[in-house]
Amino acid sequence: MRLQKYMAHSGAASRRKSEEYILEGRVKVNDEIVKELGYIVDPEKDRVYLDGKRLKIIKKHTYILLNKPLGVVSTASDEKGRRTVIDLVENDSRLYPVGRLDIDTTGLILLTDDGEVTNKLTHPKNIIEKKYIATVEGRPNKNELNILRKGVMVGREKYAPAKVKILKAFEKDSIIEVVIHEGKNHQVKLMFEKINHPVKKLKRISIGDLELGDLEVGNYRYLNEEEVKYLKKLK
């Protein structure tokens, strides 16, 4: 088994993050520092350490779906002392969030100790749709929405086409369903800023087949068997 895969299975980090740790010289195998990404370890015989702490493959992983509230950061810890998504769950596993939601965005975020699944869900090559409900200023017209559907230019970068449809329109704002598959920082907000309809409120309601449903804000649940099978089947 490749060293970075072993680390991901241990819950230490995603496979990509594990590769960074290896290149930084923070990983030892049998008391020797290893900086080779293709290094092969024997899970039954070799001892693997990250920053001096021994890593062991987790036999059974934990998967938690959380409805993130406003004001909570999507990290495992925070140097500013702010409340994190990990603070909201009672579990002894070494969990970390899959991807991020802005501090002022609510909704679905997955917490797990499965580095392989994290890598599958966040790797750019995998096209996994994420659905949001956005409240934006004003009422975008058909031409403006078509800009997003064709792929909007933000700075020098062209975003992939988005699926957008107006769910409700009021005098001063609109509620819009947005589906994207990229994971760029502040992506939905930047898209609507580009067509002059700033986002006032944003909530993620699904990632692939994982759905928030009627889970209340601040609450969480463990994934069921079918949902875990879905994650395992991702390539």
C-alpha atoms as a PDB file:
ATOM      1  CA  MET A   1       0.000   0.000   0.000  1.00  0.00           C
ATOM      2  CA  ARG A   2       1.326   3.458  -0.895  1.00  0.00           C
ATOM      3  CA  LEU A   3       2.302   5.542   2.108  1.00  0.00           C
ATOM      4  CA  GLN A   4      -0.143   8.385   1.390  1.00  0.00           C
ATOM      5  CA  LYS A   5      -2.997   5.894   1.011  1.00  0.00           C
ATOM      6  CA  TYR A   6      -2.098   4.313   4.352  1.00  0.00           C
ATOM      7  CA  MET A   7      -2.178   7.766   5.957  1.00  0.00           C
ATOM      8  CA  ALA A   8      -5.558   8.556   4.416  1.00  0.00           C
ATOM      9  CA  HIS A   9      -6.984   5.266   5.688  1.00  0.00           C
ATOM     10  CA  SER A  10      -5.662   6.078   9.154  1.00  0.00           C
ATOM     11  CA  GLY A  11      -7.708   9.286   9.219  1.00  0.00           C
ATOM     12  CA  ALA A  12      -4.622  11.496   9.498  1.00  0.00           C
ATOM     13  CA  ALA A  13      -5.561  13.594   6.471  1.00  0.00           C
ATOM     14  CA  SER A  14      -6.792  13.349   2.902  1.00  0.00           C
ATOM     15  CA  ARG A  15      -4.474  11.653   0.432  1.00  0.00           C
ATOM     16  CA  ARG A  16      -3.396  14.978  -1.100  1.00  0.00           C
ATOM     17  CA  LYS A  17      -2.696  16.505   2.312  1.00  0.00           C
ATOM     18  CA  SER A  18      -0.787  13.373   3.294  1.00  0.00           C
ATOM     19  CA  GLU A  19       1.427  13.845   0.239  1.00  0.00           C
ATOM     20  CA  GLU A  20       2.250  17.353   1.461  1.00  0.00           C
ATOM     21  CA  TYR A  21       3.201  16.002   4.887  1.00  0.00           C
ATOM     22  CA  ILE A  22       5.461  13.390   3.275  1.00  0.00           C
ATOM     23  CA  LEU A  23       7.269  15.962   1.128  1.00  0.00           C
ATOM     24  CA  GLU A  24       7.707  18.201   4.178  1.00  0.00           C
ATOM     25  CA  GLY A  25       9.602  15.398   5.937  1.00  0.00           C
ATOM     26  CA  ARG A  26       7.034  15.001   8.703  1.00  0.00           C
ATOM     27  CA  VAL A  27       6.430  11.285   8.126  1.00  0.00           C
ATOM     28  CA  LYS A  28       8.504   8.377   9.393  1.00  0.00           C
ATOM     29  CA  VAL A  29       8.277   4.687   8.560  1.00  0.00           C
ATOM     30  CA  ASN A  30       9.990   2.430  11.083  1.00  0.00           C
ATOM     31  CA  ASP A  31      11.873   5.410  12.571  1.00  0.00           C
ATOM     32  CA  GLU A  32      13.180   6.656   9.201  1.00  0.00           C
ATOM     33  CA  ILE A  33      11.950   9.838   7.501  1.00  0.00           C
ATOM     34  CA  VAL A  34      10.367   9.073   4.121  1.00  0.00           C
ATOM     35  CA  LYS A  35       9.906  11.759   1.451  1.00  0.00           C
ATOM     36  CA  GLU A  36       9.041   9.431  -1.436  1.00  0.00           C
ATOM     37  CA  LEU A  37       5.383   9.599  -2.512  1.00  0.00           C
ATOM     38  CA  GLY A  38       5.448   6.137  -4.064  1.00  0.00           C
ATOM     39  CA  TYR A  39       6.880   4.491  -0.960  1.00  0.00           C
ATOM     40  CA  ILE A  40       5.183   1.156  -0.240  1.00  0.00           C
ATOM     41  CA  VAL A  41       4.316   0.141   3.315  1.00  0.00           C
ATOM     42  CA  ASP A  42       3.084  -3.148   4.714  1.00  0.00           C
ATOM     43  CA  PRO A  43       0.100  -2.347   6.974  1.00  0.00           C
ATOM     44  CA  GLU A  44       0.724  -5.519   8.974  1.00  0.00           C
ATOM     45  CA  LYS A  45       4.441  -4.971   9.622  1.00  0.00           C
ATOM     46  CA  ASP A  46       5.449  -1.325   9.149  1.00  0.00           C
ATOM     47  CA  ARG A  47       5.034   1.438  11.726  1.00  0.00           C
ATOM     48  CA  VAL A  48       4.042   4.844  10.334  1.00  0.00           C
ATOM     49  CA  TYR A  49       4.366   8.115  12.256  1.00  0.00           C
ATOM     50  CA  LEU A  50       3.219  11.675  11.559  1.00  0.00           C
ATOM     51  CA  ASP A  51       4.957  14.315  13.676  1.00  0.00           C
ATOM     52  CA  GLY A  52       5.992  11.552  16.067  1.00  0.00           C
ATOM     53  CA  LYS A  53       2.483  10.149  16.523  1.00  0.00           C
ATOM     54  CA  ARG A  54       1.882   6.618  15.308  1.00  0.00           C
ATOM     55  CA  LEU A  55      -0.841   6.176  12.701  1.00  0.00           C
ATOM     56  CA  LYS A  56      -3.011   3.089  12.526  1.00  0.00           C
ATOM     57  CA  ILE A  57      -5.542   2.182   9.876  1.00  0.00           C
ATOM     58  CA  ILE A  58      -9.079   2.700  11.073  1.00  0.00           C
ATOM     59  CA  LYS A  59     -11.180  -0.381  10.460  1.00  0.00           C
ATOM     60  CA  LYS A  60     -14.509   1.424  10.552  1.00  0.00           C
ATOM     61  CA  HIS A  61     -14.894   5.060   9.553  1.00  0.00           C
ATOM     62  CA  THR A  62     -17.304   7.693  10.814  1.00  0.00           C
ATOM     63  CA  TYR A  63     -19.494   9.807   8.522  1.00  0.00           C
ATOM     64  CA  ILE A  64     -21.536  12.676   9.939  1.00  0.00           C
ATOM     65  CA  LEU A  65     -23.807  15.060   8.047  1.00  0.00           C
ATOM     66  CA  LEU A  66     -24.090  18.432   9.803  1.00  0.00           C
ATOM     67  CA  ASN A  67     -26.352  21.403   9.134  1.00  0.00           C
ATOM     68  CA  LYS A  68     -23.806  24.167   9.724  1.00  0.00           C
ATOM     69  CA  PRO A  69     -25.131  27.314  11.416  1.00  0.00           C
ATOM     70  CA  LEU A  70     -24.061  30.893  10.740  1.00  0.00           C
ATOM     71  CA  GLY A  71     -20.909  32.051  12.500  1.00  0.00           C
ATOM     72  CA  VAL A  72     -19.274  28.620  12.645  1.00  0.00           C
ATOM     73  CA  VAL A  73     -16.030  27.976  10.750  1.00  0.00           C
ATOM     74  CA  SER A  74     -15.553  24.881   8.589  1.00  0.00           C
ATOM     75  CA  THR A  75     -12.262  23.728  10.084  1.00  0.00           C
ATOM     76  CA  ALA A  76     -11.191  21.189  12.682  1.00  0.00           C
ATOM     77  CA  SER A  77      -9.655  23.941  14.841  1.00  0.00           C
ATOM     78  CA  ASP A  78      -9.409  27.724  14.771  1.00  0.00           C
ATOM     79  CA  GLU A  79      -6.502  29.875  15.927  1.00  0.00           C
ATOM     80  CA  LYS A  80      -8.880  32.755  16.640  1.00  0.00           C
ATOM     81  CA  GLY A  81     -10.899  30.648  19.047  1.00  0.00           C
ATOM     82  CA  ARG A  82     -14.056  30.680  16.956  1.00  0.00           C
ATOM     83  CA  ARG A  83     -16.510  27.799  17.154  1.00  0.00           C
ATOM     84  CA  THR A  84     -15.838  25.100  14.556  1.00  0.00           C
ATOM     85  CA  VAL A  85     -18.010  22.447  12.932  1.00  0.00           C
ATOM     86  CA  ILE A  86     -16.157  19.816  14.983  1.00  0.00           C
ATOM     87  CA  ASP A  87     -17.259  21.561  18.192  1.00  0.00           C
ATOM     88  CA  LEU A  88     -20.881  20.835  17.278  1.00  0.00           C
ATOM     89  CA  VAL A  89     -20.643  17.037  17.301  1.00  0.00           C
ATOM     90  CA  GLU A  90     -20.092  14.569  20.117  1.00  0.00           C
ATOM     91  CA  ASN A  91     -17.746  11.930  18.757  1.00  0.00           C
ATOM     92  CA  ASP A  92     -14.325  10.654  19.800  1.00  0.00           C
ATOM     93  CA  SER A  93     -13.098  10.003  16.245  1.00  0.00           C
ATOM     94  CA  ARG A  94     -10.545  12.346  14.708  1.00  0.00           C
ATOM     95  CA  LEU A  95     -12.966  14.040  12.337  1.00  0.00           C
ATOM     96  CA  TYR A  96     -12.363  16.791   9.818  1.00  0.00           C
ATOM     97  CA  PRO A  97     -14.698  18.575   7.385  1.00  0.00           C
ATOM     98  CA  VAL A  98     -14.863  17.650   3.715  1.00  0.00           C
ATOM     99  CA  GLY A  99     -14.425  20.960   1.912  1.00  0.00           C
ATOM    100  CA  ARG A 100     -15.593  24.232   3.397  1.00  0.00           C
ATOM    101  CA  LEU A 101     -18.549  26.541   3.743  1.00  0.00           C
ATOM    102  CA  ASP A 102     -18.018  30.253   4.379  1.00  0.00           C
ATOM    103  CA  ILE A 103     -18.638  31.418   7.929  1.00  0.00           C
ATOM    104  CA  ASP A 104     -21.815  33.191   6.756  1.00  0.00           C
ATOM    105  CA  THR A 105     -23.083  30.189   4.741  1.00  0.00           C
ATOM    106  CA  THR A 106     -25.284  27.519   6.293  1.00  0.00           C
ATOM    107  CA  GLY A 107     -26.204  23.999   5.340  1.00  0.00           C
ATOM    108  CA  LEU A 108     -24.782  20.596   4.568  1.00  0.00           C
ATOM    109  CA  ILE A 109     -21.200  19.758   5.425  1.00  0.00           C
ATOM    110  CA  LEU A 110     -19.779  16.258   5.793  1.00  0.00           C
ATOM    111  CA  LEU A 111     -17.456  15.356   8.674  1.00  0.00           C
ATOM    112  CA  THR A 112     -15.397  12.174   8.497  1.00  0.00           C
ATOM    113  CA  ASP A 113     -12.149  10.431   9.376  1.00  0.00           C
ATOM    114  CA  ASP A 114     -12.064   8.705   5.968  1.00  0.00           C
ATOM    115  CA  GLY A 115      -9.291  10.322   3.952  1.00  0.00           C
ATOM    116  CA  GLU A 116     -10.102   8.303   0.826  1.00  0.00           C
ATOM    117  CA  VAL A 117     -13.674   9.582   0.710  1.00  0.00           C
ATOM    118  CA  THR A 118     -12.464  13.127   1.362  1.00  0.00           C
ATOM    119  CA  ASN A 119     -10.128  12.850  -1.606  1.00  0.00           C
ATOM    120  CA  LYS A 120     -12.906  11.533  -3.861  1.00  0.00           C
ATOM    121  CA  LEU A 121     -15.306  14.330  -2.928  1.00  0.00           C
ATOM    122  CA  THR A 122     -12.797  17.172  -3.230  1.00  0.00           C
ATOM    123  CA  HIS A 123     -10.563  16.148  -6.142  1.00  0.00           C
ATOM    124  CA  PRO A 124     -11.118  18.467  -9.150  1.00  0.00           C
ATOM    125  CA  LYS A 125     -11.354  15.535 -11.586  1.00  0.00           C
ATOM    126  CA  ASN A 126     -14.543  14.274  -9.939  1.00  0.00           C
ATOM    127  CA  ILE A 127     -17.732  16.002 -11.059  1.00  0.00           C
ATOM    128  CA  ILE A 128     -20.003  15.915  -8.024  1.00  0.00           C
ATOM    129  CA  GLU A 129     -22.912  18.327  -8.015  1.00  0.00           C
ATOM    130  CA  LYS A 130     -23.510  20.596  -5.042  1.00  0.00           C
ATOM    131  CA  LYS A 131     -26.897  22.268  -4.703  1.00  0.00           C
ATOM    132  CA  TYR A 132     -27.475  25.596  -2.955  1.00  0.00           C
ATOM    133  CA  ILE A 133     -30.417  27.849  -2.200  1.00  0.00           C
ATOM    134  CA  ALA A 134     -29.368  31.479  -2.627  1.00  0.00           C
ATOM    135  CA  THR A 135     -31.296  34.611  -1.728  1.00  0.00           C
ATOM    136  CA  VAL A 136     -30.021  37.403  -3.978  1.00  0.00           C
ATOM    137  CA  GLU A 137     -30.753  41.089  -4.362  1.00  0.00           C
ATOM    138  CA  GLY A 138     -33.248  41.978  -7.071  1.00  0.00           C
ATOM    139  CA  ARG A 139     -34.549  39.633  -9.754  1.00  0.00           C
ATOM    140  CA  PRO A 140     -32.043  38.322 -12.318  1.00  0.00           C
ATOM    141  CA  ASN A 141     -33.462  38.321 -15.826  1.00  0.00           C
ATOM    142  CA  LYS A 142     -33.153  35.516 -18.360  1.00  0.00           C
ATOM    143  CA  ASN A 143     -30.038  36.963 -20.001  1.00  0.00           C
ATOM    144  CA  GLU A 144     -28.260  37.312 -16.661  1.00  0.00           C
ATOM    145  CA  LEU A 145     -29.088  33.750 -15.646  1.00  0.00           C
ATOM    146  CA  ASN A 146     -27.899  32.505 -19.032  1.00  0.00           C
ATOM    147  CA  ILE A 147     -24.490  34.050 -18.331  1.00  0.00           C
ATOM    148  CA  LEU A 148     -24.214  31.745 -15.324  1.00  0.00           C
ATOM    149  CA  ARG A 149     -25.557  28.795 -17.301  1.00  0.00           C
ATOM    150  CA  LYS A 150     -22.882  29.260 -19.958  1.00  0.00           C
ATOM    151  CA  GLY A 151     -20.063  29.773 -17.474  1.00  0.00           C
ATOM    152  CA  VAL A 152     -19.289  33.231 -16.123  1.00  0.00           C
ATOM    153  CA  MET A 153     -15.879  34.908 -16.285  1.00  0.00           C
ATOM    154  CA  VAL A 154     -14.585  35.963 -12.863  1.00  0.00           C
ATOM    155  CA  GLY A 155     -11.339  37.843 -13.235  1.00  0.00           C
ATOM    156  CA  ARG A 156      -9.289  35.812 -15.704  1.00  0.00           C
ATOM    157  CA  GLU A 157     -10.992  32.550 -14.850  1.00  0.00           C
ATOM    158  CA  LYS A 158     -14.056  31.056 -16.469  1.00  0.00           C
ATOM    159  CA  TYR A 159     -16.288  29.084 -14.132  1.00  0.00           C
ATOM    160  CA  ALA A 160     -17.954  25.904 -15.328  1.00  0.00           C
ATOM    161  CA  PRO A 161     -21.600  26.247 -16.388  1.00  0.00           C
ATOM    162  CA  ALA A 162     -24.055  26.303 -13.484  1.00  0.00           C
ATOM    163  CA  LYS A 163     -27.657  25.169 -13.292  1.00  0.00           C
ATOM    164  CA  VAL A 164     -29.805  28.013 -11.990  1.00  0.00           C
ATOM    165  CA  LYS A 165     -33.532  28.572 -11.652  1.00  0.00           C
ATOM    166  CA  ILE A 166     -35.656  31.091  -9.803  1.00  0.00           C
ATOM    167  CA  LEU A 167     -37.809  29.462  -7.123  1.00  0.00           C
ATOM    168  CA  LYS A 168     -39.478  32.635  -5.838  1.00  0.00           C
ATOM    169  CA  ALA A 169     -39.246  36.307  -6.741  1.00  0.00           C
ATOM    170  CA  PHE A 170     -40.189  39.239  -4.526  1.00  0.00           C
ATOM    171  CA  GLU A 171     -40.021  42.998  -4.866  1.00  0.00           C
ATOM    172  CA  LYS A 172     -36.484  43.359  -3.509  1.00  0.00           C
ATOM    173  CA  ASP A 173     -34.930  39.907  -3.788  1.00  0.00           C
ATOM    174  CA  SER A 174     -35.192  36.423  -5.287  1.00  0.00           C
ATOM    175  CA  ILE A 175     -34.677  32.865  -4.082  1.00  0.00           C
ATOM    176  CA  ILE A 176     -32.657  30.833  -6.562  1.00  0.00           C
ATOM    177  CA  GLU A 177     -31.613  27.194  -6.770  1.00  0.00           C
ATOM    178  CA  VAL A 178     -27.977  26.891  -7.847  1.00  0.00           C
ATOM    179  CA  VAL A 179     -26.160  23.691  -8.819  1.00  0.00           C
ATOM    180  CA  ILE A 180     -22.387  23.682  -9.363  1.00  0.00           C
ATOM    181  CA  HIS A 181     -19.715  20.989  -9.365  1.00  0.00           C
ATOM    182  CA  GLU A 182     -16.584  23.050  -8.790  1.00  0.00           C
ATOM    183  CA  GLY A 183     -15.360  23.989  -5.331  1.00  0.00           C
ATOM    184  CA  LYS A 184     -13.817  27.416  -5.786  1.00  0.00           C
ATOM    185  CA  ASN A 185     -13.669  29.847  -2.873  1.00  0.00           C
ATOM    186  CA  HIS A 186     -16.816  31.987  -2.549  1.00  0.00           C
ATOM    187  CA  GLN A 187     -17.921  30.646  -5.936  1.00  0.00           C
ATOM    188  CA  VAL A 188     -21.683  31.209  -5.746  1.00  0.00           C
ATOM    189  CA  LYS A 189     -21.234  34.677  -4.259  1.00  0.00           C
ATOM    190  CA  LEU A 190     -18.760  35.724  -6.948  1.00  0.00           C
ATOM    191  CA  MET A 191     -21.022  34.389  -9.700  1.00  0.00           C
ATOM    192  CA  PHE A 192     -23.950  36.533  -8.622  1.00  0.00           C
ATOM    193  CA  GLU A 193     -21.790  39.573  -7.925  1.00  0.00           C
ATOM    194  CA  LYS A 194     -20.679  39.328 -11.545  1.00  0.00           C
ATOM    195  CA  ILE A 195     -24.275  39.762 -12.756  1.00  0.00           C
ATOM    196  CA  ASN A 196     -24.941  42.516 -10.178  1.00  0.00           C
ATOM    197  CA  HIS A 197     -27.224  40.514  -7.889  1.00  0.00           C
ATOM    198  CA  PRO A 198     -25.239  40.042  -4.647  1.00  0.00           C
ATOM    199  CA  VAL A 199     -26.020  37.058  -2.444  1.00  0.00           C
ATOM    200  CA  LYS A 200     -27.779  37.954   0.805  1.00  0.00           C
ATOM    201  CA  LYS A 201     -28.157  34.431   2.159  1.00  0.00           C
ATOM    202  CA  LEU A 202     -26.705  31.075   1.094  1.00  0.00           C
ATOM    203  CA  LYS A 203     -27.463  27.509   2.141  1.00  0.00           C
ATOM    204  CA  ARG A 204     -26.106  24.231   0.758  1.00  0.00           C
ATOM    205  CA  ILE A 205     -28.729  21.497   0.629  1.00  0.00           C
ATOM    206  CA  SER A 206     -26.986  18.604  -1.122  1.00  0.00           C
ATOM    207  CA  ILE A 207     -23.669  17.096  -2.202  1.00  0.00           C
ATOM    208  CA  GLY A 208     -24.192  14.408  -4.808  1.00  0.00           C
ATOM    209  CA  ASP A 209     -26.699  11.941  -3.329  1.00  0.00           C
ATOM    210  CA  LEU A 210     -26.293  13.308   0.201  1.00  0.00           C
ATOM    211  CA  GLU A 211     -29.226  15.547   1.114  1.00  0.00           C
ATOM    212  CA  LEU A 212     -29.786  17.880   4.048  1.00  0.00           C
ATOM    213  CA  GLY A 213     -33.512  17.176   4.159  1.00  0.00           C
ATOM    214  CA  ASP A 214     -35.309  18.534   7.218  1.00  0.00           C
ATOM    215  CA  LEU A 215     -32.274  18.387   9.523  1.00  0.00           C
ATOM    216  CA  GLU A 216     -32.438  21.459  11.750  1.00  0.00           C
ATOM    217  CA  VAL A 217     -29.666  24.053  11.861  1.00  0.00           C
ATOM    218  CA  GLY A 218     -26.900  23.035  14.265  1.00  0.00           C
ATOM    219  CA  ASN A 219     -28.006  19.403  14.336  1.00  0.00           C
ATOM    220  CA  TYR A 220     -26.265  16.412  12.798  1.00  0.00           C
ATOM    221  CA  ARG A 221     -26.861  12.776  11.927  1.00  0.00           C
ATOM    222  CA  TYR A 222     -24.777   9.758  10.950  1.00  0.00           C
ATOM    223  CA  LEU A 223     -24.993   8.614   7.345  1.00  0.00           C
ATOM    224  CA  ASN A 224     -27.105   5.550   6.726  1.00  0.00           C
ATOM    225  CA  GLU A 225     -25.844   2.402   5.018  1.00  0.00           C
ATOM    226  CA  GLU A 226     -26.999   3.429   1.545  1.00  0.00           C
ATOM    227  CA  GLU A 227     -25.311   6.824   1.817  1.00  0.00           C
ATOM    228  CA  VAL A 228     -22.035   5.227   2.912  1.00  0.00           C
ATOM    229  CA  LYS A 229     -22.231   2.795  -0.018  1.00  0.00           C
ATOM    230  CA  TYR A 230     -22.707   5.766  -2.349  1.00  0.00           C
ATOM    231  CA  LEU A 231     -19.529   7.405  -1.022  1.00  0.00           C
ATOM    232  CA  LYS A 232     -17.549   4.170  -1.300  1.00  0.00           C
ATOM    233  CA  LYS A 233     -18.578   3.718  -4.946  1.00  0.00           C
ATOM    234  CA  LEU A 234     -17.246   7.123  -5.988  1.00  0.00           C
ATOM    235  CA  LYS A 235     -14.089   6.869  -8.096  1.00  0.00           C
END
